[in-house]
PDB file of all heavy atoms in Angstrom:
ATOM      1  N   THR A   1     -14.341  -2.356  -8.539  1.00  0.00           N
ATOM      2  CA  THR A   1     -15.594  -1.738  -8.106  1.00  0.00           C
ATOM      3  C   THR A   1     -15.295  -0.856  -6.893  1.00  0.00           C
ATOM      4  O   THR A   1     -14.138  -0.697  -6.496  1.00  0.00           O
ATOM      5  CB  THR A   1     -16.652  -2.803  -7.762  1.00  0.00           C
ATOM      6  OG1 THR A   1     -17.914  -2.149  -7.562  1.00  0.00           O
ATOM      7  CG2 THR A   1     -16.299  -3.561  -6.499  1.00  0.00           C
ATOM      8  N   PHE A   2     -16.355  -0.252  -6.329  1.00  0.00           N
ATOM      9  CA  PHE A   2     -16.207   0.633  -5.181  1.00  0.00           C
ATOM     10  C   PHE A   2     -17.117   0.192  -4.045  1.00  0.00           C
ATOM     11  O   PHE A   2     -18.206  -0.349  -4.280  1.00  0.00           O
ATOM     12  CB  PHE A   2     -16.569   2.077  -5.555  1.00  0.00           C
ATOM     13  CG  PHE A   2     -15.551   2.766  -6.412  1.00  0.00           C
ATOM     14  CD1 PHE A   2     -15.583   2.617  -7.790  1.00  0.00           C
ATOM     15  CD2 PHE A   2     -14.560   3.554  -5.855  1.00  0.00           C
ATOM     16  CE1 PHE A   2     -14.647   3.249  -8.595  1.00  0.00           C
ATOM     17  CE2 PHE A   2     -13.621   4.186  -6.641  1.00  0.00           C
ATOM     18  CZ  PHE A   2     -13.661   4.034  -8.019  1.00  0.00           C
ATOM     19  N   TYR A   3     -16.694   0.437  -2.823  1.00  0.00           N
ATOM     20  CA  TYR A   3     -17.562   0.322  -1.660  1.00  0.00           C
ATOM     21  C   TYR A   3     -18.216   1.680  -1.415  1.00  0.00           C
ATOM     22  O   TYR A   3     -17.516   2.700  -1.321  1.00  0.00           O
ATOM     23  CB  TYR A   3     -16.765  -0.100  -0.422  1.00  0.00           C
ATOM     24  CG  TYR A   3     -16.461  -1.578  -0.362  1.00  0.00           C
ATOM     25  CD1 TYR A   3     -15.305  -2.092  -0.933  1.00  0.00           C
ATOM     26  CD2 TYR A   3     -17.336  -2.461   0.262  1.00  0.00           C
ATOM     27  CE1 TYR A   3     -15.016  -3.450  -0.872  1.00  0.00           C
ATOM     28  CE2 TYR A   3     -17.059  -3.822   0.321  1.00  0.00           C
ATOM     29  CZ  TYR A   3     -15.902  -4.310  -0.250  1.00  0.00           C
ATOM     30  OH  TYR A   3     -15.626  -5.652  -0.201  1.00  0.00           O
ATOM     31  N   ALA A   4     -19.542   1.660  -1.320  1.00  0.00           N
ATOM     32  CA  ALA A   4     -20.332   2.871  -1.063  1.00  0.00           C
ATOM     33  C   ALA A   4     -19.999   3.982  -2.042  1.00  0.00           C
ATOM     34  O   ALA A   4     -20.170   5.168  -1.736  1.00  0.00           O
ATOM     35  CB  ALA A   4     -20.141   3.349   0.369  1.00  0.00           C
ATOM     36  N   SER A   5     -19.477   3.615  -3.194  1.00  0.00           N
ATOM     37  CA  SER A   5     -19.140   4.552  -4.267  1.00  0.00           C
ATOM     38  C   SER A   5     -17.987   5.488  -3.929  1.00  0.00           C
ATOM     39  O   SER A   5     -17.726   6.438  -4.667  1.00  0.00           O
ATOM     40  CB  SER A   5     -20.376   5.387  -4.669  1.00  0.00           C
ATOM     41  OG  SER A   5     -21.427   4.552  -5.109  1.00  0.00           O
ATOM     42  N   VAL A   6     -17.263   5.230  -2.838  1.00  0.00           N
ATOM     43  CA  VAL A   6     -16.177   6.137  -2.454  1.00  0.00           C
ATOM     44  C   VAL A   6     -14.838   5.445  -2.244  1.00  0.00           C
ATOM     45  O   VAL A   6     -13.793   6.089  -2.338  1.00  0.00           O
ATOM     46  CB  VAL A   6     -16.541   6.942  -1.177  1.00  0.00           C
ATOM     47  CG1 VAL A   6     -17.720   7.866  -1.442  1.00  0.00           C
ATOM     48  CG2 VAL A   6     -16.824   6.024  -0.001  1.00  0.00           C
ATOM     49  N   VAL A   7     -14.820   4.149  -1.942  1.00  0.00           N
ATOM     50  CA  VAL A   7     -13.568   3.438  -1.670  1.00  0.00           C
ATOM     51  C   VAL A   7     -13.428   2.283  -2.654  1.00  0.00           C
ATOM     52  O   VAL A   7     -14.304   1.413  -2.739  1.00  0.00           O
ATOM     53  CB  VAL A   7     -13.529   2.913  -0.221  1.00  0.00           C
ATOM     54  CG1 VAL A   7     -12.401   1.907  -0.042  1.00  0.00           C
ATOM     55  CG2 VAL A   7     -13.358   4.065   0.759  1.00  0.00           C
ATOM     56  N   ARG A   8     -12.341   2.278  -3.402  1.00  0.00           N
ATOM     57  CA  ARG A   8     -12.108   1.200  -4.370  1.00  0.00           C
ATOM     58  C   ARG A   8     -11.744  -0.087  -3.638  1.00  0.00           C
ATOM     59  O   ARG A   8     -11.148  -0.053  -2.564  1.00  0.00           O
ATOM     60  CB  ARG A   8     -10.975   1.597  -5.325  1.00  0.00           C
ATOM     61  CG  ARG A   8     -10.794   0.641  -6.494  1.00  0.00           C
ATOM     62  CD  ARG A   8      -9.742   1.152  -7.452  1.00  0.00           C
ATOM     63  NE  ARG A   8     -10.193   2.328  -8.185  1.00  0.00           N
ATOM     64  CZ  ARG A   8     -10.925   2.295  -9.298  1.00  0.00           C
ATOM     65  NH1 ARG A   8     -11.313   1.123  -9.802  1.00  0.00           N
ATOM     66  NH2 ARG A   8     -11.275   3.398  -9.917  1.00  0.00           N
ATOM     67  N   ASN A   9     -12.140  -1.222  -4.208  1.00  0.00           N
ATOM     68  CA  ASN A   9     -11.837  -2.512  -3.575  1.00  0.00           C
ATOM     69  C   ASN A   9     -10.395  -2.932  -3.858  1.00  0.00           C
ATOM     70  O   ASN A   9     -10.105  -3.962  -4.453  1.00  0.00           O
ATOM     71  CB  ASN A   9     -12.828  -3.591  -4.015  1.00  0.00           C
ATOM     72  CG  ASN A   9     -12.807  -3.847  -5.516  1.00  0.00           C
ATOM     73  OD1 ASN A   9     -12.397  -2.995  -6.299  1.00  0.00           O
ATOM     74  ND2 ASN A   9     -13.262  -5.028  -5.917  1.00  0.00           N
ATOM     75  N   ARG A  10      -9.501  -2.077  -3.385  1.00  0.00           N
ATOM     76  CA  ARG A  10      -8.066  -2.306  -3.480  1.00  0.00           C
ATOM     77  C   ARG A  10      -7.415  -1.550  -2.332  1.00  0.00           C
ATOM     78  O   ARG A  10      -7.732  -0.383  -2.087  1.00  0.00           O
ATOM     79  CB  ARG A  10      -7.520  -1.770  -4.804  1.00  0.00           C
ATOM     80  CG  ARG A  10      -5.981  -1.802  -4.909  1.00  0.00           C
ATOM     81  CD  ARG A  10      -5.495  -0.858  -5.987  1.00  0.00           C
ATOM     82  NE  ARG A  10      -5.832   0.524  -5.710  1.00  0.00           N
ATOM     83  CZ  ARG A  10      -5.993   1.462  -6.634  1.00  0.00           C
ATOM     84  NH1 ARG A  10      -5.857   1.158  -7.903  1.00  0.00           N
ATOM     85  NH2 ARG A  10      -6.306   2.694  -6.294  1.00  0.00           N
ATOM     86  N   THR A  11      -6.510  -2.186  -1.629  1.00  0.00           N
ATOM     87  CA  THR A  11      -5.789  -1.507  -0.556  1.00  0.00           C
ATOM     88  C   THR A  11      -4.474  -0.958  -1.102  1.00  0.00           C
ATOM     89  O   THR A  11      -3.650  -1.704  -1.635  1.00  0.00           O
ATOM     90  CB  THR A  11      -5.503  -2.462   0.611  1.00  0.00           C
ATOM     91  OG1 THR A  11      -6.745  -2.943   1.142  1.00  0.00           O
ATOM     92  CG2 THR A  11      -4.744  -1.746   1.719  1.00  0.00           C
ATOM     93  N   PHE A  12      -4.303   0.338  -0.974  1.00  0.00           N
ATOM     94  CA  PHE A  12      -3.068   1.012  -1.369  1.00  0.00           C
ATOM     95  C   PHE A  12      -2.357   1.426  -0.086  1.00  0.00           C
ATOM     96  O   PHE A  12      -2.955   2.030   0.798  1.00  0.00           O
ATOM     97  CB  PHE A  12      -3.382   2.235  -2.225  1.00  0.00           C
ATOM     98  CG  PHE A  12      -2.155   2.933  -2.773  1.00  0.00           C
ATOM     99  CD1 PHE A  12      -1.515   2.453  -3.899  1.00  0.00           C
ATOM    100  CD2 PHE A  12      -1.662   4.075  -2.159  1.00  0.00           C
ATOM    101  CE1 PHE A  12      -0.398   3.094  -4.415  1.00  0.00           C
ATOM    102  CE2 PHE A  12      -0.550   4.729  -2.660  1.00  0.00           C
ATOM    103  CZ  PHE A  12       0.086   4.243  -3.797  1.00  0.00           C
ATOM    104  N   VAL A  13      -1.075   1.079   0.026  1.00  0.00           N
ATOM    105  CA  VAL A  13      -0.334   1.273   1.270  1.00  0.00           C
ATOM    106  C   VAL A  13       0.606   2.467   1.143  1.00  0.00           C
ATOM    107  O   VAL A  13       1.280   2.639   0.112  1.00  0.00           O
ATOM    108  CB  VAL A  13       0.473  -0.001   1.625  1.00  0.00           C
ATOM    109  CG1 VAL A  13       1.295   0.215   2.887  1.00  0.00           C
ATOM    110  CG2 VAL A  13      -0.485  -1.186   1.802  1.00  0.00           C
ATOM    111  N   TYR A  14       0.653   3.280   2.193  1.00  0.00           N
ATOM    112  CA  TYR A  14       1.580   4.413   2.281  1.00  0.00           C
ATOM    113  C   TYR A  14       2.660   4.088   3.313  1.00  0.00           C
ATOM    114  O   TYR A  14       2.413   3.387   4.296  1.00  0.00           O
ATOM    115  CB  TYR A  14       0.853   5.675   2.743  1.00  0.00           C
ATOM    116  CG  TYR A  14      -0.188   6.221   1.803  1.00  0.00           C
ATOM    117  CD1 TYR A  14      -1.442   5.626   1.687  1.00  0.00           C
ATOM    118  CD2 TYR A  14       0.062   7.354   1.036  1.00  0.00           C
ATOM    119  CE1 TYR A  14      -2.408   6.136   0.834  1.00  0.00           C
ATOM    120  CE2 TYR A  14      -0.894   7.882   0.186  1.00  0.00           C
ATOM    121  CZ  TYR A  14      -2.126   7.265   0.086  1.00  0.00           C
ATOM    122  OH  TYR A  14      -3.086   7.782  -0.754  1.00  0.00           O
ATOM    123  N   VAL A  15       3.836   4.648   3.097  1.00  0.00           N
ATOM    124  CA  VAL A  15       4.906   4.496   4.081  1.00  0.00           C
ATOM    125  C   VAL A  15       5.713   5.791   4.115  1.00  0.00           C
ATOM    126  O   VAL A  15       6.091   6.331   3.070  1.00  0.00           O
ATOM    127  CB  VAL A  15       5.811   3.270   3.764  1.00  0.00           C
ATOM    128  CG1 VAL A  15       6.358   3.335   2.343  1.00  0.00           C
ATOM    129  CG2 VAL A  15       6.947   3.170   4.770  1.00  0.00           C
ATOM    130  N   TYR A  16       5.945   6.288   5.317  1.00  0.00           N
ATOM    131  CA  TYR A  16       6.782   7.476   5.475  1.00  0.00           C
ATOM    132  C   TYR A  16       8.216   7.034   5.723  1.00  0.00           C
ATOM    133  O   TYR A  16       8.490   6.224   6.620  1.00  0.00           O
ATOM    134  CB  TYR A  16       6.301   8.329   6.642  1.00  0.00           C
ATOM    135  CG  TYR A  16       7.231   9.492   6.955  1.00  0.00           C
ATOM    136  CD1 TYR A  16       7.274  10.605   6.126  1.00  0.00           C
ATOM    137  CD2 TYR A  16       8.077   9.442   8.057  1.00  0.00           C
ATOM    138  CE1 TYR A  16       8.144  11.656   6.392  1.00  0.00           C
ATOM    139  CE2 TYR A  16       8.948  10.493   8.326  1.00  0.00           C
ATOM    140  CZ  TYR A  16       8.970  11.597   7.487  1.00  0.00           C
ATOM    141  OH  TYR A  16       9.841  12.630   7.761  1.00  0.00           O
ATOM    142  N   ALA A  17       9.124   7.524   4.914  1.00  0.00           N
ATOM    143  CA  ALA A  17      10.539   7.190   5.068  1.00  0.00           C
ATOM    144  C   ALA A  17      11.379   8.447   4.926  1.00  0.00           C
ATOM    145  O   ALA A  17      11.037   9.349   4.150  1.00  0.00           O
ATOM    146  CB  ALA A  17      10.971   6.154   4.039  1.00  0.00           C
ATOM    147  N   GLN A  18      12.464   8.496   5.676  1.00  0.00           N
ATOM    148  CA  GLN A  18      13.395   9.608   5.581  1.00  0.00           C
ATOM    149  C   GLN A  18      14.532   9.233   4.648  1.00  0.00           C
ATOM    150  O   GLN A  18      14.847   8.051   4.460  1.00  0.00           O
ATOM    151  CB  GLN A  18      13.916   9.977   6.973  1.00  0.00           C
ATOM    152  CG  GLN A  18      12.805  10.454   7.900  1.00  0.00           C
ATOM    153  CD  GLN A  18      13.284  10.808   9.286  1.00  0.00           C
ATOM    154  OE1 GLN A  18      14.379  10.406   9.698  1.00  0.00           O
ATOM    155  NE2 GLN A  18      12.474  11.548  10.023  1.00  0.00           N
ATOM    156  N   ALA A  19      15.133  10.229   4.034  1.00  0.00           N
ATOM    157  CA  ALA A  19      16.198   9.995   3.064  1.00  0.00           C
ATOM    158  C   ALA A  19      17.277   9.092   3.656  1.00  0.00           C
ATOM    159  O   ALA A  19      17.762   9.325   4.764  1.00  0.00           O
ATOM    160  CB  ALA A  19      16.791  11.331   2.632  1.00  0.00           C
ATOM    161  N   GLY A  20      17.635   8.057   2.923  1.00  0.00           N
ATOM    162  CA  GLY A  20      18.659   7.122   3.364  1.00  0.00           C
ATOM    163  C   GLY A  20      18.132   5.901   4.082  1.00  0.00           C
ATOM    164  O   GLY A  20      18.843   4.896   4.202  1.00  0.00           O
ATOM    165  N   GLU A  21      16.905   5.967   4.592  1.00  0.00           N
ATOM    166  CA  GLU A  21      16.311   4.791   5.224  1.00  0.00           C
ATOM    167  C   GLU A  21      15.908   3.769   4.152  1.00  0.00           C
ATOM    168  O   GLU A  21      15.767   4.107   2.977  1.00  0.00           O
ATOM    169  CB  GLU A  21      15.094   5.190   6.063  1.00  0.00           C
ATOM    170  CG  GLU A  21      15.442   6.023   7.284  1.00  0.00           C
ATOM    171  CD  GLU A  21      14.232   6.421   8.096  1.00  0.00           C
ATOM    172  OE1 GLU A  21      13.112   6.489   7.528  1.00  0.00           O
ATOM    173  OE2 GLU A  21      14.392   6.684   9.302  1.00  0.00           O
ATOM    174  N   TYR A  22      15.698   2.524   4.595  1.00  0.00           N
ATOM    175  CA  TYR A  22      15.315   1.461   3.680  1.00  0.00           C
ATOM    176  C   TYR A  22      13.858   1.062   3.883  1.00  0.00           C
ATOM    177  O   TYR A  22      13.400   0.905   5.015  1.00  0.00           O
ATOM    178  CB  TYR A  22      16.220   0.241   3.855  1.00  0.00           C
ATOM    179  CG  TYR A  22      17.500   0.327   3.047  1.00  0.00           C
ATOM    180  CD1 TYR A  22      18.586   1.044   3.531  1.00  0.00           C
ATOM    181  CD2 TYR A  22      17.593  -0.278   1.801  1.00  0.00           C
ATOM    182  CE1 TYR A  22      19.757   1.137   2.784  1.00  0.00           C
ATOM    183  CE2 TYR A  22      18.763  -0.187   1.049  1.00  0.00           C
ATOM    184  CZ  TYR A  22      19.837   0.523   1.538  1.00  0.00           C
ATOM    185  OH  TYR A  22      20.979   0.624   0.791  1.00  0.00           O
ATOM    186  N   ILE A  23      13.157   0.901   2.772  1.00  0.00           N
ATOM    187  CA  ILE A  23      11.798   0.360   2.775  1.00  0.00           C
ATOM    188  C   ILE A  23      11.905  -1.098   2.357  1.00  0.00           C
ATOM    189  O   ILE A  23      12.316  -1.410   1.229  1.00  0.00           O
ATOM    190  CB  ILE A  23      10.879   1.132   1.819  1.00  0.00           C
ATOM    191  CG1 ILE A  23      10.836   2.616   2.191  1.00  0.00           C
ATOM    192  CG2 ILE A  23       9.476   0.533   1.832  1.00  0.00           C
ATOM    193  CD1 ILE A  23      10.115   3.472   1.165  1.00  0.00           C
ATOM    194  N   LEU A  24      11.534  -2.015   3.256  1.00  0.00           N
ATOM    195  CA  LEU A  24      11.593  -3.448   3.000  1.00  0.00           C
ATOM    196  C   LEU A  24      10.199  -3.969   2.699  1.00  0.00           C
ATOM    197  O   LEU A  24       9.239  -3.617   3.399  1.00  0.00           O
ATOM    198  CB  LEU A  24      12.164  -4.185   4.211  1.00  0.00           C
ATOM    199  CG  LEU A  24      13.691  -4.247   4.364  1.00  0.00           C
ATOM    200  CD1 LEU A  24      14.320  -2.859   4.315  1.00  0.00           C
ATOM    201  CD2 LEU A  24      14.073  -4.970   5.638  1.00  0.00           C
ATOM    202  N   VAL A  25      10.070  -4.795   1.655  1.00  0.00           N
ATOM    203  CA  VAL A  25       8.758  -5.315   1.265  1.00  0.00           C
ATOM    204  C   VAL A  25       8.863  -6.789   0.901  1.00  0.00           C
ATOM    205  O   VAL A  25       9.927  -7.295   0.531  1.00  0.00           O
ATOM    206  CB  VAL A  25       8.164  -4.529   0.069  1.00  0.00           C
ATOM    207  CG1 VAL A  25       7.889  -3.084   0.453  1.00  0.00           C
ATOM    208  CG2 VAL A  25       9.095  -4.589  -1.137  1.00  0.00           C
ATOM    209  N   GLY A  26       7.715  -7.467   0.994  1.00  0.00           N
ATOM    210  CA  GLY A  26       7.620  -8.857   0.580  1.00  0.00           C
ATOM    211  C   GLY A  26       6.182  -9.317   0.648  1.00  0.00           C
ATOM    212  O   GLY A  26       5.342  -8.659   1.279  1.00  0.00           O
ATOM    213  N   SER A  27       5.883 -10.446   0.002  1.00  0.00           N
ATOM    214  CA  SER A  27       4.518 -10.974   0.034  1.00  0.00           C
ATOM    215  C   SER A  27       4.522 -12.467  -0.242  1.00  0.00           C
ATOM    216  O   SER A  27       5.502 -13.029  -0.754  1.00  0.00           O
ATOM    217  CB  SER A  27       3.633 -10.263  -0.994  1.00  0.00           C
ATOM    218  OG  SER A  27       3.759 -10.843  -2.277  1.00  0.00           O
ATOM    219  N   SER A  28       3.391 -13.105   0.058  1.00  0.00           N
ATOM    220  CA  SER A  28       3.236 -14.529  -0.207  1.00  0.00           C
ATOM    221  C   SER A  28       2.985 -14.810  -1.684  1.00  0.00           C
ATOM    222  O   SER A  28       3.058 -15.964  -2.123  1.00  0.00           O
ATOM    223  CB  SER A  28       2.082 -15.094   0.629  1.00  0.00           C
ATOM    224  OG  SER A  28       0.913 -14.313   0.473  1.00  0.00           O
ATOM    225  N   ASN A  29       2.684 -13.796  -2.481  1.00  0.00           N
ATOM    226  CA  ASN A  29       2.477 -13.983  -3.919  1.00  0.00           C
ATOM    227  C   ASN A  29       3.775 -13.902  -4.727  1.00  0.00           C
ATOM    228  O   ASN A  29       3.788 -14.252  -5.908  1.00  0.00           O
ATOM    229  CB  ASN A  29       1.514 -12.923  -4.465  1.00  0.00           C
ATOM    230  CG  ASN A  29       0.077 -13.156  -4.032  1.00  0.00           C
ATOM    231  OD1 ASN A  29      -0.259 -14.223  -3.546  1.00  0.00           O
ATOM    232  ND2 ASN A  29      -0.760 -12.152  -4.196  1.00  0.00           N
ATOM    233  N   ARG A  30       4.862 -13.444  -4.101  1.00  0.00           N
ATOM    234  CA  ARG A  30       6.098 -13.181  -4.862  1.00  0.00           C
ATOM    235  C   ARG A  30       6.675 -14.430  -5.506  1.00  0.00           C
ATOM    236  O   ARG A  30       7.280 -14.352  -6.578  1.00  0.00           O
ATOM    237  CB  ARG A  30       7.143 -12.557  -3.926  1.00  0.00           C
ATOM    238  CG  ARG A  30       7.250 -11.066  -3.998  1.00  0.00           C
ATOM    239  CD  ARG A  30       7.939 -10.594  -5.268  1.00  0.00           C
ATOM    240  NE  ARG A  30       9.354 -10.976  -5.288  1.00  0.00           N
ATOM    241  CZ  ARG A  30       9.934 -11.634  -6.276  1.00  0.00           C
ATOM    242  NH1 ARG A  30       9.236 -12.005  -7.337  1.00  0.00           N
ATOM    243  NH2 ARG A  30      11.228 -11.942  -6.233  1.00  0.00           N
TER     244      ARG A  30
END
């Protein structure tokens, strides 16, 4: 669904990385 018809009830994450850098991720659901 959407909040106020403009924001979906899901958080999408952005990350800025430069070539060669590492993006590390993890979660409690894994």
